[in-house]
Protein backbone atom coordinates (compact mmCIF):
# COMPACT_ATOMS: atom_id res chain seq x y z
CA MET A 1 216.22 271.38 -18.16
CA ARG A 2 218.27 269.44 -15.64
CA PRO A 3 222.00 270.01 -16.12
CA SER A 4 224.18 266.96 -16.50
CA ALA A 5 226.35 265.92 -13.60
CA ILE A 6 230.04 265.12 -13.88
CA ASN A 7 231.58 262.78 -11.34
CA TYR A 8 234.97 264.25 -10.45
CA MET A 9 237.59 262.35 -8.50
CA ASN A 10 241.27 262.86 -7.88
CA THR A 11 242.38 260.83 -4.90
CA HIS A 12 245.51 262.93 -4.47
CA ILE A 13 243.73 266.30 -4.26
CA LEU A 14 239.96 266.31 -3.85
CA PRO A 15 237.33 263.83 -2.67
CA SER A 16 234.76 262.54 -5.16
CA PHE A 17 231.82 264.82 -5.97
CA GLU A 18 229.24 265.53 -8.64
CA TYR A 19 229.76 268.80 -10.50
CA TYR A 20 227.04 271.08 -11.88
CA GLU A 21 227.40 274.27 -13.89
CA PRO A 22 224.01 276.02 -14.18
CA LYS A 23 223.64 278.67 -16.86
CA SER A 24 220.97 280.76 -15.13
CA LEU A 25 220.04 281.86 -11.63
CA GLY A 26 216.77 279.95 -11.80
CA GLU A 27 218.59 276.76 -12.76
CA ALA A 28 221.04 277.22 -9.88
CA LEU A 29 218.25 277.74 -7.35
CA GLU A 30 216.44 274.64 -8.56
CA LEU A 31 219.62 272.63 -8.16
CA LEU A 32 220.22 273.89 -4.63
CA ASP A 33 216.63 273.13 -3.72
CA ARG A 34 216.95 269.58 -5.01
CA LEU A 35 220.44 268.81 -3.69
CA GLY A 36 219.92 270.40 -0.28
CA GLY A 37 222.65 270.48 2.35
CA ASP A 38 224.87 268.05 0.43
CA ALA A 39 225.75 270.78 -2.09
CA LYS A 40 228.30 273.58 -1.90
CA VAL A 41 228.38 276.65 -4.11
CA LEU A 42 231.55 277.47 -6.03
CA ALA A 43 232.10 281.13 -6.92
CA GLY A 44 235.73 282.16 -6.43
CA GLY A 45 236.74 278.93 -4.73
CA THR A 46 239.49 280.52 -2.62
CA ASP A 47 237.97 279.16 0.60
CA LEU A 48 235.97 276.15 -0.60
CA LEU A 49 238.72 274.41 -2.56
CA VAL A 50 241.25 274.81 0.25
CA LYS A 51 238.84 273.19 2.72
CA MET A 52 238.15 270.35 0.29
CA LYS A 53 241.85 269.70 -0.25
CA THR A 54 242.48 269.52 3.50
CA GLY A 55 239.45 267.28 4.02
CA ALA A 56 237.63 269.82 6.17
CA LEU A 57 234.74 269.70 3.67
CA ARG A 58 233.56 266.71 1.64
CA PRO A 59 230.50 267.87 -0.30
CA LYS A 60 228.66 265.39 -2.50
CA TYR A 61 227.81 268.09 -5.02
CA ILE A 62 229.49 271.25 -6.30
CA VAL A 63 227.32 273.90 -7.98
CA ASN A 64 229.53 276.30 -9.94
CA ILE A 65 227.72 279.63 -10.39
CA LYS A 66 230.56 281.41 -12.22
CA ARG A 67 228.86 281.16 -15.62
CA ILE A 68 225.58 282.71 -14.52
CA PRO A 69 225.15 286.09 -16.26
CA GLY A 70 224.05 289.20 -14.41
CA LEU A 71 225.62 288.46 -11.02
CA ARG A 72 228.84 290.46 -11.43
CA TYR A 73 228.28 294.18 -11.02
CA ILE A 74 228.91 297.25 -8.88
CA ARG A 75 226.23 299.92 -9.06
CA LEU A 76 225.39 302.97 -6.99
CA GLU A 77 221.65 303.47 -7.29
CA GLU A 78 219.51 305.86 -5.23
CA GLY A 79 222.10 306.12 -2.47
CA VAL A 80 222.75 302.38 -2.22
CA LEU A 81 225.86 300.55 -3.40
CA ARG A 82 224.75 297.25 -4.93
CA ILE A 83 227.32 294.49 -5.31
CA GLY A 84 226.53 291.33 -7.24
CA ALA A 85 227.37 287.88 -5.91
CA LEU A 86 230.15 287.22 -8.44
CA THR A 87 231.91 290.55 -7.94
CA THR A 88 235.55 289.94 -7.09
CA TRP A 89 237.78 291.87 -4.73
CA HIS A 90 239.73 293.04 -7.77
CA ASP A 91 236.52 294.41 -9.33
CA LEU A 92 235.99 296.46 -6.18
CA GLU A 93 239.61 297.59 -6.19
CA GLU A 94 239.29 298.89 -9.75
CA ASP A 95 235.90 300.63 -9.45
CA PRO A 96 236.20 304.29 -8.34
CA VAL A 97 232.70 304.28 -6.79
CA VAL A 98 234.05 302.10 -3.96
CA GLU A 99 236.27 304.99 -2.83
CA ARG A 100 233.05 306.67 -1.62
CA PHE A 101 232.97 303.90 1.02
CA PRO A 102 236.44 304.34 2.57
CA ALA A 103 236.24 301.55 5.17
CA LEU A 104 235.30 299.07 2.44
CA ALA A 105 238.05 300.42 0.18
CA ASP A 106 240.53 299.93 3.04
CA ALA A 107 239.47 296.29 3.40
CA VAL A 108 239.75 295.70 -0.35
CA LYS A 109 243.32 297.02 -0.41
CA GLN A 110 244.34 294.76 2.49
CA MET A 111 242.73 291.57 1.18
CA GLY A 112 245.44 289.00 0.48
CA GLY A 113 247.48 289.00 -2.70
CA LEU A 114 246.53 289.76 -6.28
CA GLN A 115 245.63 286.13 -7.02
CA ILE A 116 243.11 286.06 -4.17
CA ARG A 117 241.62 289.43 -5.14
CA VAL A 118 241.21 288.36 -8.77
CA MET A 119 239.50 285.06 -7.94
CA GLY A 120 237.81 285.61 -4.59
CA THR A 121 234.37 287.19 -4.29
CA ILE A 122 233.21 289.46 -1.51
CA ALA A 123 229.97 287.46 -1.26
CA GLY A 124 231.98 284.28 -0.76
CA ASN A 125 233.97 285.99 1.97
CA LEU A 126 230.72 286.67 3.83
CA CYS A 127 229.20 283.23 3.19
CA ASN A 128 232.34 281.53 4.48
CA ALA A 129 231.43 283.22 7.78
CA SER A 130 234.92 283.31 9.19
CA PRO A 131 235.22 285.50 12.30
CA ALA A 132 238.21 287.06 10.51
CA ALA A 133 236.33 287.90 7.28
CA ASP A 134 237.77 291.23 6.08
CA ALA A 135 234.55 292.26 4.35
CA ALA A 136 232.41 292.01 7.47
CA PRO A 137 233.51 294.89 9.77
CA PRO A 138 233.29 297.67 7.14
CA LEU A 139 229.97 296.39 5.84
CA LEU A 140 228.62 296.14 9.38
CA VAL A 141 229.36 299.80 10.14
CA TYR A 142 227.56 300.78 6.94
CA ASP A 143 224.45 298.81 8.04
CA ALA A 144 224.72 296.61 4.96
CA GLU A 145 222.15 294.01 3.97
CA VAL A 146 222.40 290.82 1.96
CA VAL A 147 219.79 289.54 -0.49
CA LEU A 148 219.13 285.80 -0.36
CA ALA A 149 217.27 284.00 -3.13
CA SER A 150 215.66 280.55 -3.34
CA VAL A 151 212.96 278.89 -5.40
CA LYS A 152 210.50 280.22 -2.81
CA GLY A 153 211.45 283.85 -3.40
CA VAL A 154 213.81 286.55 -2.14
CA ARG A 155 214.47 287.84 1.36
CA THR A 156 216.71 290.60 2.70
CA VAL A 157 218.75 290.11 5.87
CA LYS A 158 220.73 292.72 7.78
CA LEU A 159 224.36 291.69 7.82
CA GLU A 160 224.37 292.04 11.61
CA ASP A 161 221.84 289.17 11.73
CA PHE A 162 223.53 287.10 9.02
CA PHE A 163 226.31 285.46 11.06
CA VAL A 164 225.34 282.95 13.74
CA GLY A 165 228.65 281.23 14.51
CA PRO A 166 232.05 280.28 13.09
CA GLY A 167 231.35 279.13 9.54
CA LYS A 168 227.59 279.45 10.07
CA THR A 169 225.02 281.89 8.71
CA VAL A 170 221.23 282.15 8.58
CA MET A 171 221.26 280.95 4.97
CA GLN A 172 219.22 277.84 4.25
CA PRO A 173 220.80 275.05 2.13
CA ASN A 174 218.60 276.02 -0.83
CA GLU A 175 219.47 279.73 -0.68
CA LEU A 176 222.02 281.73 -2.61
CA LEU A 177 223.40 285.14 -1.67
CA VAL A 178 222.78 287.17 -4.82
CA GLU A 179 223.48 290.77 -3.77
CA ILE A 180 225.02 292.95 -1.07
CA ARG A 181 223.43 296.34 -0.45
CA VAL A 182 225.42 299.10 1.24
CA PRO A 183 223.65 302.38 2.09
CA ALA A 184 225.75 305.46 1.34
CA LYS A 185 226.38 307.51 4.48
CA GLY A 186 227.38 311.11 4.93
CA GLY A 187 230.04 310.57 7.58
CA SER A 188 233.59 309.28 7.50
CA SER A 189 234.92 305.76 7.96
CA ALA A 190 238.02 303.59 8.16
CA PHE A 191 239.08 299.97 8.52
CA VAL A 192 242.31 298.76 10.13
CA LYS A 193 243.67 295.25 10.34
CA LEU A 194 246.46 293.61 12.29
CA SER A 195 248.01 290.47 10.83
CA ARG A 196 251.36 288.71 10.90
CA THR A 197 251.90 289.35 7.18
CA SER A 198 249.95 291.20 4.50
CA MET A 199 248.79 287.83 3.12
CA ASP A 200 247.61 286.41 6.45
CA LEU A 201 244.22 286.35 8.13
CA ALA A 202 243.54 289.12 10.61
CA ILE A 203 244.72 288.69 14.18
CA ALA A 204 242.13 291.39 14.86
CA SER A 205 240.42 294.06 12.79
CA ALA A 206 238.19 297.06 13.37
CA ALA A 207 236.01 299.39 11.32
CA VAL A 208 234.60 302.72 12.45
CA TYR A 209 231.96 304.91 10.85
CA ALA A 210 231.61 308.33 12.47
CA GLU A 211 229.99 311.69 12.00
CA PHE A 212 231.81 314.65 13.53
CA GLU A 213 230.93 318.16 14.62
CA GLY A 214 234.30 319.77 14.93
CA GLU A 215 236.26 317.31 17.05
CA VAL A 216 233.15 315.88 18.71
CA VAL A 217 231.86 312.45 17.70
CA LYS A 218 228.14 312.93 17.02
CA GLU A 219 227.45 309.45 15.67
CA ALA A 220 229.55 306.29 15.76
CA ARG A 221 229.36 302.71 14.58
CA VAL A 222 232.07 300.22 15.49
CA ALA A 223 232.58 296.67 14.24
CA LEU A 224 235.31 294.14 14.94
CA GLY A 225 236.61 290.98 13.35
CA SER A 226 238.59 287.98 14.60
CA VAL A 227 237.79 288.68 18.27
CA ALA A 228 234.54 286.73 18.72
CA PRO A 229 232.78 283.69 17.19
CA THR A 230 231.38 286.05 14.55
CA PRO A 231 232.17 289.56 13.31
CA ILE A 232 230.40 291.91 15.74
CA ARG A 233 229.03 295.41 16.28
CA ALA A 234 230.45 296.96 19.47
CA ARG A 235 227.45 298.89 20.73
CA LYS A 236 228.79 299.71 24.19
CA THR A 237 231.83 301.23 22.57
CA GLU A 238 229.64 303.19 20.17
CA ALA A 239 227.82 304.68 23.16
CA VAL A 240 231.12 305.61 24.81
CA LEU A 241 232.34 307.43 21.71
CA LYS A 242 229.25 309.58 21.20
CA GLY A 243 229.79 313.08 22.51
CA ARG A 244 233.53 312.59 23.07
CA ARG A 245 236.22 314.76 21.56
CA VAL A 246 238.71 312.97 19.34
CA SER A 247 241.56 314.83 21.06
CA GLU A 248 240.25 314.00 24.53
CA GLU A 249 243.00 312.86 26.87
CA GLY A 250 242.49 309.30 27.95
CA LEU A 251 240.06 308.42 25.15
CA ILE A 252 241.96 305.24 24.42
CA GLU A 253 241.48 304.19 28.05
CA LEU A 254 237.74 304.75 27.76
CA LEU A 255 237.80 302.35 24.86
CA ARG A 256 238.46 299.50 27.28
CA THR A 257 234.74 298.88 26.83
CA VAL A 258 235.85 297.00 23.73
CA SER A 259 237.32 294.36 26.05
CA GLU A 260 233.86 293.81 27.53
CA GLU A 261 232.33 293.17 24.13
CA VAL A 262 234.82 290.80 22.54
CA ASN A 263 235.22 287.09 23.19
CA PRO A 264 238.46 286.09 21.47
CA ILE A 265 240.22 282.75 21.38
CA THR A 266 243.86 281.77 21.55
CA ASP A 267 245.19 280.21 18.35
CA VAL A 268 248.42 280.02 16.36
CA ARG A 269 248.18 283.69 15.36
CA ALA A 270 247.66 285.31 18.77
CA SER A 271 246.48 284.81 22.34
CA ALA A 272 243.03 285.79 23.53
CA TRP A 273 244.63 288.31 25.90
CA TYR A 274 246.54 289.99 23.09
CA ARG A 275 243.47 290.19 20.86
CA ARG A 276 241.47 291.75 23.68
CA GLU A 277 244.14 294.35 24.36
CA VAL A 278 244.86 295.24 20.74
CA SER A 279 241.18 295.58 19.81
CA ARG A 280 240.75 298.90 21.60
CA VAL A 281 243.91 300.23 19.94
CA LEU A 282 242.55 299.26 16.52
CA VAL A 283 239.25 301.01 17.24
CA TYR A 284 241.16 304.10 18.35
CA ASP A 285 243.34 304.04 15.22
CA ALA A 286 240.30 303.59 12.96
CA LEU A 287 238.54 306.50 14.69
CA LEU A 288 241.55 308.79 14.18
CA LYS A 289 241.81 307.70 10.55
CA ALA A 290 238.13 308.44 9.97
CA PHE A 291 238.51 311.82 11.69
CA GLU A 292 241.49 312.76 9.53
CA ARG A 293 239.48 311.86 6.45
CA SER A 294 236.57 314.02 7.61
CA ARG A 295 238.97 316.96 7.59
CA GLY A 296 240.09 316.26 4.05
CA GLY A 297 243.15 314.22 4.94
CA ARG A 298 244.34 311.13 3.07
CA ALA A 299 244.74 308.85 6.08
């Protein structure tokens, strides 16, 4: 059954649009398939509504998926953390299973204020595709995947392949991100973020996943945010870290490889030069934090 549309208009706040509130996933996917690129999905609304108020986005249709049952969950099944599309940051903050993914838990604790964490969804944070998305670096170092659904079926995409540019992903207009899958790893991890205030977007951020043998880094994954058109994996830096001792003198200098991998911009929050310089320090700090955790510390 086709849901009824409501024409909403408030000339002082939002542009005119038609509003839909599907009651099932199938209904939502049919709507997106019919409405195409003129529709935007509303989940938490913390990004979408701001852009609509400023005029940056003027969608013809809004599809509110908040009422769809079965899309808000956190489950650890067969070594994979599964996060539903409507799961909020506050849900993640309150669920003890997330503590088994320390880099993600770090990001959750640093995400905005309580109002944002209660309303905003982690899936929306990814779909917004901001280079500064806090969810992206920790999920990248865990080799996370996203599940995209449409009327044609379901496909799984590695998060590393999901982002294609600022505000752009591989999602088609008729697709909906329905789940995030995060493999549980045996190593240690951490996420660090530099911002002007605790409520602000990241000037730069870094996540590290590492496996240690004593002080030696046996395996490393590094991801960065707010220093390139998309969140990125820093593979040259990963190669530099492997086989190095955490206490090695000059390790932070070796991490200048980070500067070769990032492509930051200058904006109101920081200069490109500053972002490039601070990125290696953030990677170093995240590595030390992960190492301390591997030794039973509470870094």
